[in-house]
Amino acid sequence: MTHDSTEKRDRAEAVVLQGKQQLKQAALDFGMQFASSLRQEIETLMRQLQESLTQGDEIRIEQYSIDFQIKLDELNQQMHQHNTFDS
């Protein structure tokens, strides 16, 4: 395994952890129904990313990491907008 692939794996594992924490926080703050379709997309991408990590599929690790981060950013935006409207 090259240094670059190790870094990609480490970043992917970190983003999975971040995603789990973010989903948990969204559920605690806004309830389980908040952004439910987006949450499902995130959970699916998280599973795909974890499977790719297990299989060592570097191409899919990179793609799922990017897709996963985009969806997490969308969730962050929705959480922020919800907080802004409640203020």
PDB file of N, CA and C in Angstrom:
ATOM      1  N   MET A   1       0.849  -1.182   0.000  1.00  0.00           N
ATOM      2  CA  MET A   1       0.000   0.000   0.000  1.00  0.00           C
ATOM      3  C   MET A   1       0.890   1.238   0.000  1.00  0.00           C
ATOM      4  N   THR A   2       0.601   2.138  -0.896  1.00  0.00           N
ATOM      5  CA  THR A   2       1.408   3.355  -1.006  1.00  0.00           C
ATOM      6  C   THR A   2       0.994   4.367   0.059  1.00  0.00           C
ATOM      7  N   HIS A   3       1.849   5.345   0.238  1.00  0.00           N
ATOM      8  CA  HIS A   3       1.566   6.423   1.192  1.00  0.00           C
ATOM      9  C   HIS A   3       0.280   7.150   0.806  1.00  0.00           C
ATOM     10  N   ASP A   4       0.102   7.401  -0.507  1.00  0.00           N
ATOM     11  CA  ASP A   4      -1.093   8.089  -1.002  1.00  0.00           C
ATOM     12  C   ASP A   4      -2.358   7.293  -0.710  1.00  0.00           C
ATOM     13  N   SER A   5      -2.316   5.983  -0.935  1.00  0.00           N
ATOM     14  CA  SER A   5      -3.507   5.165  -0.684  1.00  0.00           C
ATOM     15  C   SER A   5      -3.798   5.067   0.813  1.00  0.00           C
ATOM     16  N   THR A   6      -2.762   5.066   1.629  1.00  0.00           N
ATOM     17  CA  THR A   6      -2.968   5.064   3.081  1.00  0.00           C
ATOM     18  C   THR A   6      -3.643   6.355   3.525  1.00  0.00           C
ATOM     19  N   GLU A   7      -3.217   7.471   2.954  1.00  0.00           N
ATOM     20  CA  GLU A   7      -3.836   8.762   3.281  1.00  0.00           C
ATOM     21  C   GLU A   7      -5.305   8.781   2.858  1.00  0.00           C
ATOM     22  N   LYS A   8      -5.591   8.246   1.672  1.00  0.00           N
ATOM     23  CA  LYS A   8      -6.980   8.201   1.191  1.00  0.00           C
ATOM     24  C   LYS A   8      -7.842   7.357   2.118  1.00  0.00           C
ATOM     25  N   ARG A   9      -7.315   6.220   2.546  1.00  0.00           N
ATOM     26  CA  ARG A   9      -8.056   5.349   3.468  1.00  0.00           C
ATOM     27  C   ARG A   9      -8.298   6.072   4.797  1.00  0.00           C
ATOM     28  N   ASP A  10      -7.267   6.728   5.306  1.00  0.00           N
ATOM     29  CA  ASP A  10      -7.393   7.442   6.580  1.00  0.00           C
ATOM     30  C   ASP A  10      -8.443   8.555   6.476  1.00  0.00           C
ATOM     31  N   ARG A  11      -8.410   9.303   5.361  1.00  0.00           N
ATOM     32  CA  ARG A  11      -9.410  10.366   5.164  1.00  0.00           C
ATOM     33  C   ARG A  11     -10.809   9.781   5.052  1.00  0.00           C
ATOM     34  N   ALA A  12     -10.934   8.661   4.352  1.00  0.00           N
ATOM     35  CA  ALA A  12     -12.237   8.017   4.191  1.00  0.00           C
ATOM     36  C   ALA A  12     -12.764   7.536   5.540  1.00  0.00           C
ATOM     37  N   GLU A  13     -11.910   6.938   6.339  1.00  0.00           N
ATOM     38  CA  GLU A  13     -12.326   6.479   7.666  1.00  0.00           C
ATOM     39  C   GLU A  13     -12.731   7.660   8.545  1.00  0.00           C
ATOM     40  N   ALA A  14     -12.020   8.762   8.422  1.00  0.00           N
ATOM     41  CA  ALA A  14     -12.343   9.961   9.198  1.00  0.00           C
ATOM     42  C   ALA A  14     -13.685  10.544   8.776  1.00  0.00           C
ATOM     43  N   VAL A  15     -13.964  10.542   7.472  1.00  0.00           N
ATOM     44  CA  VAL A  15     -15.226  11.098   6.996  1.00  0.00           C
ATOM     45  C   VAL A  15     -16.399  10.202   7.405  1.00  0.00           C
ATOM     46  N   VAL A  16     -16.182   8.896   7.481  1.00  0.00           N
ATOM     47  CA  VAL A  16     -17.229   7.991   7.962  1.00  0.00           C
ATOM     48  C   VAL A  16     -17.549   8.314   9.415  1.00  0.00           C
ATOM     49  N   LEU A  17     -16.524   8.493  10.221  1.00  0.00           N
ATOM     50  CA  LEU A  17     -16.732   8.845  11.628  1.00  0.00           C
ATOM     51  C   LEU A  17     -17.459  10.186  11.739  1.00  0.00           C
ATOM     52  N   GLN A  18     -17.038  11.154  10.949  1.00  0.00           N
ATOM     53  CA  GLN A  18     -17.690  12.463  10.940  1.00  0.00           C
ATOM     54  C   GLN A  18     -19.163  12.311  10.552  1.00  0.00           C
ATOM     55  N   GLY A  19     -19.430  11.491   9.558  1.00  0.00           N
ATOM     56  CA  GLY A  19     -20.804  11.281   9.100  1.00  0.00           C
ATOM     57  C   GLY A  19     -21.678  10.667  10.174  1.00  0.00           C
ATOM     58  N   LYS A  20     -21.146   9.680  10.866  1.00  0.00           N
ATOM     59  CA  LYS A  20     -21.912   9.047  11.949  1.00  0.00           C
ATOM     60  C   LYS A  20     -22.259  10.072  13.023  1.00  0.00           C
ATOM     61  N   GLN A  21     -21.279  10.897  13.373  1.00  0.00           N
ATOM     62  CA  GLN A  21     -21.509  11.917  14.394  1.00  0.00           C
ATOM     63  C   GLN A  21     -22.529  12.950  13.922  1.00  0.00           C
ATOM     64  N   GLN A  22     -22.427  13.326  12.667  1.00  0.00           N
ATOM     65  CA  GLN A  22     -23.333  14.338  12.121  1.00  0.00           C
ATOM     66  C   GLN A  22     -24.769  13.812  12.052  1.00  0.00           C
ATOM     67  N   LEU A  23     -24.941  12.564  11.636  1.00  0.00           N
ATOM     68  CA  LEU A  23     -26.282  11.967  11.592  1.00  0.00           C
ATOM     69  C   LEU A  23     -26.873  11.882  12.993  1.00  0.00           C
ATOM     70  N   LYS A  24     -26.057  11.496  13.938  1.00  0.00           N
ATOM     71  CA  LYS A  24     -26.514  11.404  15.326  1.00  0.00           C
ATOM     72  C   LYS A  24     -26.934  12.780  15.846  1.00  0.00           C
ATOM     73  N   GLN A  25     -26.115  13.785  15.565  1.00  0.00           N
ATOM     74  CA  GLN A  25     -26.425  15.143  16.019  1.00  0.00           C
ATOM     75  C   GLN A  25     -27.708  15.669  15.380  1.00  0.00           C
ATOM     76  N   ALA A  26     -27.882  15.405  14.090  1.00  0.00           N
ATOM     77  CA  ALA A  26     -29.098  15.848  13.395  1.00  0.00           C
ATOM     78  C   ALA A  26     -30.322  15.196  14.013  1.00  0.00           C
ATOM     79  N   ALA A  27     -30.227  13.917  14.342  1.00  0.00           N
ATOM     80  CA  ALA A  27     -31.356  13.205  14.955  1.00  0.00           C
ATOM     81  C   ALA A  27     -31.651  13.761  16.347  1.00  0.00           C
ATOM     82  N   LEU A  28     -30.594  14.037  17.105  1.00  0.00           N
ATOM     83  CA  LEU A  28     -30.790  14.579  18.454  1.00  0.00           C
ATOM     84  C   LEU A  28     -31.388  15.982  18.421  1.00  0.00           C
ATOM     85  N   ASP A  29     -30.898  16.809  17.505  1.00  0.00           N
ATOM     86  CA  ASP A  29     -31.326  18.199  17.448  1.00  0.00           C
ATOM     87  C   ASP A  29     -32.696  18.390  16.791  1.00  0.00           C
ATOM     88  N   PHE A  30     -32.977  17.595  15.752  1.00  0.00           N
ATOM     89  CA  PHE A  30     -34.157  17.854  14.929  1.00  0.00           C
ATOM     90  C   PHE A  30     -35.128  16.684  14.825  1.00  0.00           C
ATOM     91  N   GLY A  31     -34.767  15.529  15.347  1.00  0.00           N
ATOM     92  CA  GLY A  31     -35.631  14.359  15.271  1.00  0.00           C
ATOM     93  C   GLY A  31     -35.261  13.469  14.090  1.00  0.00           C
ATOM     94  N   MET A  32     -35.724  12.253  14.147  1.00  0.00           N
ATOM     95  CA  MET A  32     -35.359  11.254  13.141  1.00  0.00           C
ATOM     96  C   MET A  32     -35.942  11.561  11.767  1.00  0.00           C
ATOM     97  N   GLN A  33     -37.012  12.325  11.696  1.00  0.00           N
ATOM     98  CA  GLN A  33     -37.635  12.614  10.405  1.00  0.00           C
ATOM     99  C   GLN A  33     -36.970  13.772   9.659  1.00  0.00           C
ATOM    100  N   PHE A  34     -36.103  14.500  10.339  1.00  0.00           N
ATOM    101  CA  PHE A  34     -35.432  15.634   9.713  1.00  0.00           C
ATOM    102  C   PHE A  34     -34.580  15.150   8.540  1.00  0.00           C
ATOM    103  N   ALA A  35     -34.800  15.722   7.373  1.00  0.00           N
ATOM    104  CA  ALA A  35     -34.022  15.423   6.156  1.00  0.00           C
ATOM    105  C   ALA A  35     -33.906  13.919   5.922  1.00  0.00           C
ATOM    106  N   SER A  36     -35.023  13.216   6.065  1.00  0.00           N
ATOM    107  CA  SER A  36     -34.980  11.751   6.045  1.00  0.00           C
ATOM    108  C   SER A  36     -34.444  11.174   4.737  1.00  0.00           C
ATOM    109  N   SER A  37     -34.817  11.750   3.590  1.00  0.00           N
ATOM    110  CA  SER A  37     -34.303  11.190   2.328  1.00  0.00           C
ATOM    111  C   SER A  37     -32.798  11.441   2.195  1.00  0.00           C
ATOM    112  N   LEU A  38     -32.339  12.597   2.617  1.00  0.00           N
ATOM    113  CA  LEU A  38     -30.911  12.901   2.586  1.00  0.00           C
ATOM    114  C   LEU A  38     -30.166  11.993   3.562  1.00  0.00           C
ATOM    115  N   ARG A  39     -30.748  11.768   4.721  1.00  0.00           N
ATOM    116  CA  ARG A  39     -30.134  10.873   5.710  1.00  0.00           C
ATOM    117  C   ARG A  39     -29.990   9.465   5.135  1.00  0.00           C
ATOM    118  N   GLN A  40     -31.003   9.009   4.402  1.00  0.00           N
ATOM    119  CA  GLN A  40     -30.933   7.678   3.783  1.00  0.00           C
ATOM    120  C   GLN A  40     -29.814   7.617   2.748  1.00  0.00           C
ATOM    121  N   GLU A  41     -29.680   8.674   1.949  1.00  0.00           N
ATOM    122  CA  GLU A  41     -28.595   8.729   0.955  1.00  0.00           C
ATOM    123  C   GLU A  41     -27.236   8.667   1.650  1.00  0.00           C
ATOM    124  N   ILE A  42     -27.104   9.400   2.732  1.00  0.00           N
ATOM    125  CA  ILE A  42     -25.849   9.429   3.477  1.00  0.00           C
ATOM    126  C   ILE A  42     -25.545   8.048   4.061  1.00  0.00           C
ATOM    127  N   GLU A  43     -26.558   7.410   4.629  1.00  0.00           N
ATOM    128  CA  GLU A  43     -26.356   6.084   5.210  1.00  0.00           C
ATOM    129  C   GLU A  43     -25.964   5.066   4.140  1.00  0.00           C
ATOM    130  N   THR A  44     -26.572   5.167   2.953  1.00  0.00           N
ATOM    131  CA  THR A  44     -26.219   4.262   1.855  1.00  0.00           C
ATOM    132  C   THR A  44     -24.773   4.496   1.415  1.00  0.00           C
ATOM    133  N   LEU A  45     -24.408   5.754   1.221  1.00  0.00           N
ATOM    134  CA  LEU A  45     -23.027   6.066   0.831  1.00  0.00           C
ATOM    135  C   LEU A  45     -22.031   5.625   1.907  1.00  0.00           C
ATOM    136  N   MET A  46     -22.418   5.753   3.164  1.00  0.00           N
ATOM    137  CA  MET A  46     -21.539   5.340   4.250  1.00  0.00           C
ATOM    138  C   MET A  46     -21.292   3.833   4.177  1.00  0.00           C
ATOM    139  N   ARG A  47     -22.353   3.070   3.940  1.00  0.00           N
ATOM    140  CA  ARG A  47     -22.191   1.616   3.812  1.00  0.00           C
ATOM    141  C   ARG A  47     -21.297   1.271   2.609  1.00  0.00           C
ATOM    142  N   GLN A  48     -21.540   1.943   1.489  1.00  0.00           N
ATOM    143  CA  GLN A  48     -20.738   1.685   0.293  1.00  0.00           C
ATOM    144  C   GLN A  48     -19.273   2.030   0.533  1.00  0.00           C
ATOM    145  N   LEU A  49     -19.043   3.129   1.215  1.00  0.00           N
ATOM    146  CA  LEU A  49     -17.670   3.540   1.508  1.00  0.00           C
ATOM    147  C   LEU A  49     -17.005   2.537   2.445  1.00  0.00           C
ATOM    148  N   GLN A  50     -17.731   2.095   3.460  1.00  0.00           N
ATOM    149  CA  GLN A  50     -17.173   1.121   4.393  1.00  0.00           C
ATOM    150  C   GLN A  50     -16.860  -0.203   3.683  1.00  0.00           C
ATOM    151  N   GLU A  51     -17.738  -0.634   2.784  1.00  0.00           N
ATOM    152  CA  GLU A  51     -17.492  -1.858   2.011  1.00  0.00           C
ATOM    153  C   GLU A  51     -16.252  -1.690   1.134  1.00  0.00           C
ATOM    154  N   SER A  52     -16.118  -0.524   0.512  1.00  0.00           N
ATOM    155  CA  SER A  52     -14.955  -0.263  -0.334  1.00  0.00           C
ATOM    156  C   SER A  52     -13.670  -0.275   0.488  1.00  0.00           C
ATOM    157  N   LEU A  53     -13.740   0.254   1.699  1.00  0.00           N
ATOM    158  CA  LEU A  53     -12.576   0.227   2.584  1.00  0.00           C
ATOM    159  C   LEU A  53     -12.218  -1.213   2.937  1.00  0.00           C
ATOM    160  N   THR A  54     -13.218  -2.012   3.226  1.00  0.00           N
ATOM    161  CA  THR A  54     -12.988  -3.415   3.566  1.00  0.00           C
ATOM    162  C   THR A  54     -12.370  -4.162   2.389  1.00  0.00           C
ATOM    163  N   GLN A  55     -12.850  -3.861   1.188  1.00  0.00           N
ATOM    164  CA  GLN A  55     -12.363  -4.538  -0.013  1.00  0.00           C
ATOM    165  C   GLN A  55     -11.061  -3.941  -0.544  1.00  0.00           C
ATOM    166  N   GLY A  56     -10.691  -2.780  -0.043  1.00  0.00           N
ATOM    167  CA  GLY A  56      -9.467  -2.128  -0.510  1.00  0.00           C
ATOM    168  C   GLY A  56      -9.580  -1.574  -1.920  1.00  0.00           C
ATOM    169  N   ASP A  57     -10.797  -1.230  -2.325  1.00  0.00           N
ATOM    170  CA  ASP A  57     -11.053  -0.709  -3.673  1.00  0.00           C
ATOM    171  C   ASP A  57     -10.781   0.795  -3.684  1.00  0.00           C
ATOM    172  N   GLU A  58      -9.569   1.167  -4.059  1.00  0.00           N
ATOM    173  CA  GLU A  58      -9.136   2.562  -3.966  1.00  0.00           C
ATOM    174  C   GLU A  58      -9.944   3.511  -4.848  1.00  0.00           C
ATOM    175  N   ILE A  59     -10.339   3.066  -6.014  1.00  0.00           N
ATOM    176  CA  ILE A  59     -11.114   3.931  -6.906  1.00  0.00           C
ATOM    177  C   ILE A  59     -12.471   4.248  -6.282  1.00  0.00           C
ATOM    178  N   ARG A  60     -13.144   3.236  -5.776  1.00  0.00           N
ATOM    179  CA  ARG A  60     -14.448   3.473  -5.143  1.00  0.00           C
ATOM    180  C   ARG A  60     -14.302   4.233  -3.822  1.00  0.00           C
ATOM    181  N   ILE A  61     -13.235   3.972  -3.099  1.00  0.00           N
ATOM    182  CA  ILE A  61     -13.000   4.719  -1.855  1.00  0.00           C
ATOM    183  C   ILE A  61     -12.956   6.209  -2.168  1.00  0.00           C
ATOM    184  N   GLU A  62     -12.211   6.556  -3.198  1.00  0.00           N
ATOM    185  CA  GLU A  62     -12.080   7.970  -3.555  1.00  0.00           C
ATOM    186  C   GLU A  62     -13.422   8.558  -3.997  1.00  0.00           C
ATOM    187  N   GLN A  63     -14.141   7.850  -4.867  1.00  0.00           N
ATOM    188  CA  GLN A  63     -15.415   8.365  -5.375  1.00  0.00           C
ATOM    189  C   GLN A  63     -16.470   8.458  -4.268  1.00  0.00           C
ATOM    190  N   TYR A  64     -16.608   7.388  -3.486  1.00  0.00           N
ATOM    191  CA  TYR A  64     -17.607   7.420  -2.408  1.00  0.00           C
ATOM    192  C   TYR A  64     -17.255   8.467  -1.357  1.00  0.00           C
ATOM    193  N   SER A  65     -15.977   8.675  -1.110  1.00  0.00           N
ATOM    194  CA  SER A  65     -15.568   9.705  -0.146  1.00  0.00           C
ATOM    195  C   SER A  65     -16.024  11.082  -0.612  1.00  0.00           C
ATOM    196  N   ILE A  66     -15.839  11.351  -1.898  1.00  0.00           N
ATOM    197  CA  ILE A  66     -16.254  12.640  -2.453  1.00  0.00           C
ATOM    198  C   ILE A  66     -17.775  12.782  -2.369  1.00  0.00           C
ATOM    199  N   ASP A  67     -18.492  11.762  -2.832  1.00  0.00           N
ATOM    200  CA  ASP A  67     -19.960  11.802  -2.814  1.00  0.00           C
ATOM    201  C   ASP A  67     -20.487  11.938  -1.391  1.00  0.00           C
ATOM    202  N   PHE A  68     -19.872  11.201  -0.477  1.00  0.00           N
ATOM    203  CA  PHE A  68     -20.280  11.214   0.923  1.00  0.00           C
ATOM    204  C   PHE A  68     -20.090  12.600   1.525  1.00  0.00           C
ATOM    205  N   GLN A  69     -18.944  13.212   1.254  1.00  0.00           N
ATOM    206  CA  GLN A  69     -18.666  14.553   1.786  1.00  0.00           C
ATOM    207  C   GLN A  69     -19.648  15.574   1.234  1.00  0.00           C
ATOM    208  N   ILE A  70     -20.002  15.454  -0.039  1.00  0.00           N
ATOM    209  CA  ILE A  70     -20.986  16.368  -0.638  1.00  0.00           C
ATOM    210  C   ILE A  70     -22.325  16.255   0.088  1.00  0.00           C
ATOM    211  N   LYS A  71     -22.753  15.037   0.364  1.00  0.00           N
ATOM    212  CA  LYS A  71     -24.037  14.826   1.051  1.00  0.00           C
ATOM    213  C   LYS A  71     -23.974  15.323   2.498  1.00  0.00           C
ATOM    214  N   LEU A  72     -22.833  15.138   3.148  1.00  0.00           N
ATOM    215  CA  LEU A  72     -22.685  15.665   4.507  1.00  0.00           C
ATOM    216  C   LEU A  72     -22.755  17.188   4.507  1.00  0.00           C
ATOM    217  N   ASP A  73     -22.169  17.802   3.493  1.00  0.00           N
ATOM    218  CA  ASP A  73     -22.245  19.255   3.366  1.00  0.00           C
ATOM    219  C   ASP A  73     -23.696  19.708   3.174  1.00  0.00           C
ATOM    220  N   GLU A  74     -24.460  18.957   2.374  1.00  0.00           N
ATOM    221  CA  GLU A  74     -25.883  19.272   2.188  1.00  0.00           C
ATOM    222  C   GLU A  74     -26.632  19.172   3.516  1.00  0.00           C
ATOM    223  N   LEU A  75     -26.337  18.140   4.287  1.00  0.00           N
ATOM    224  CA  LEU A  75     -26.989  17.982   5.589  1.00  0.00           C
ATOM    225  C   LEU A  75     -26.623  19.145   6.506  1.00  0.00           C
ATOM    226  N   ASN A  76     -25.364  19.535   6.497  1.00  0.00           N
ATOM    227  CA  ASN A  76     -24.929  20.690   7.294  1.00  0.00           C
ATOM    228  C   ASN A  76     -25.702  21.940   6.909  1.00  0.00           C
ATOM    229  N   GLN A  77     -25.875  22.150   5.605  1.00  0.00           N
ATOM    230  CA  GLN A  77     -26.619  23.317   5.129  1.00  0.00           C
ATOM    231  C   GLN A  77     -28.060  23.276   5.632  1.00  0.00           C
ATOM    232  N   GLN A  78     -28.685  22.114   5.531  1.00  0.00           N
ATOM    233  CA  GLN A  78     -30.075  22.004   5.979  1.00  0.00           C
ATOM    234  C   GLN A  78     -30.190  22.233   7.484  1.00  0.00           C
ATOM    235  N   MET A  79     -29.228  21.721   8.235  1.00  0.00           N
ATOM    236  CA  MET A  79     -29.246  21.934   9.684  1.00  0.00           C
ATOM    237  C   MET A  79     -29.076  23.415   9.994  1.00  0.00           C
ATOM    238  N   HIS A  80     -28.165  24.061   9.289  1.00  0.00           N
ATOM    239  CA  HIS A  80     -27.925  25.483   9.500  1.00  0.00           C
ATOM    240  C   HIS A  80     -29.170  26.302   9.145  1.00  0.00           C
ATOM    241  N   GLN A  81     -29.785  25.992   7.998  1.00  0.00           N
ATOM    242  CA  GLN A  81     -30.990  26.698   7.580  1.00  0.00           C
ATOM    243  C   GLN A  81     -32.112  26.507   8.595  1.00  0.00           C
ATOM    244  N   HIS A  82     -32.250  25.307   9.105  1.00  0.00           N
ATOM    245  CA  HIS A  82     -33.289  25.023  10.083  1.00  0.00           C
ATOM    246  C   HIS A  82     -33.051  25.835  11.350  1.00  0.00           C
ATOM    247  N   ASN A  83     -31.786  25.899  11.784  1.00  0.00           N
ATOM    248  CA  ASN A  83     -31.445  26.706  12.959  1.00  0.00           C
ATOM    249  C   ASN A  83     -31.681  28.180  12.717  1.00  0.00           C
ATOM    250  N   THR A  84     -31.384  28.658  11.515  1.00  0.00           N
ATOM    251  CA  THR A  84     -31.572  30.067  11.174  1.00  0.00           C
ATOM    252  C   THR A  84     -33.052  30.438  11.193  1.00  0.00           C
ATOM    253  N   PHE A  85     -33.893  29.558  10.650  1.00  0.00           N
ATOM    254  CA  PHE A  85     -35.325  29.822  10.635  1.00  0.00           C
ATOM    255  C   PHE A  85     -35.955  29.784  12.007  1.00  0.00           C
ATOM    256  N   ASP A  86     -35.367  28.981  12.901  1.00  0.00           N
ATOM    257  CA  ASP A  86     -35.899  28.882  14.261  1.00  0.00           C
ATOM    258  C   ASP A  86     -35.489  30.050  15.136  1.00  0.00           C
ATOM    259  N   SER A  87     -34.461  30.769  14.726  1.00  0.00           N
ATOM    260  CA  SER A  87     -33.964  31.884  15.557  1.00  0.00           C
ATOM    261  C   SER A  87     -34.815  33.108  15.418  1.00  0.00           C
TER     262      SER A  87
END
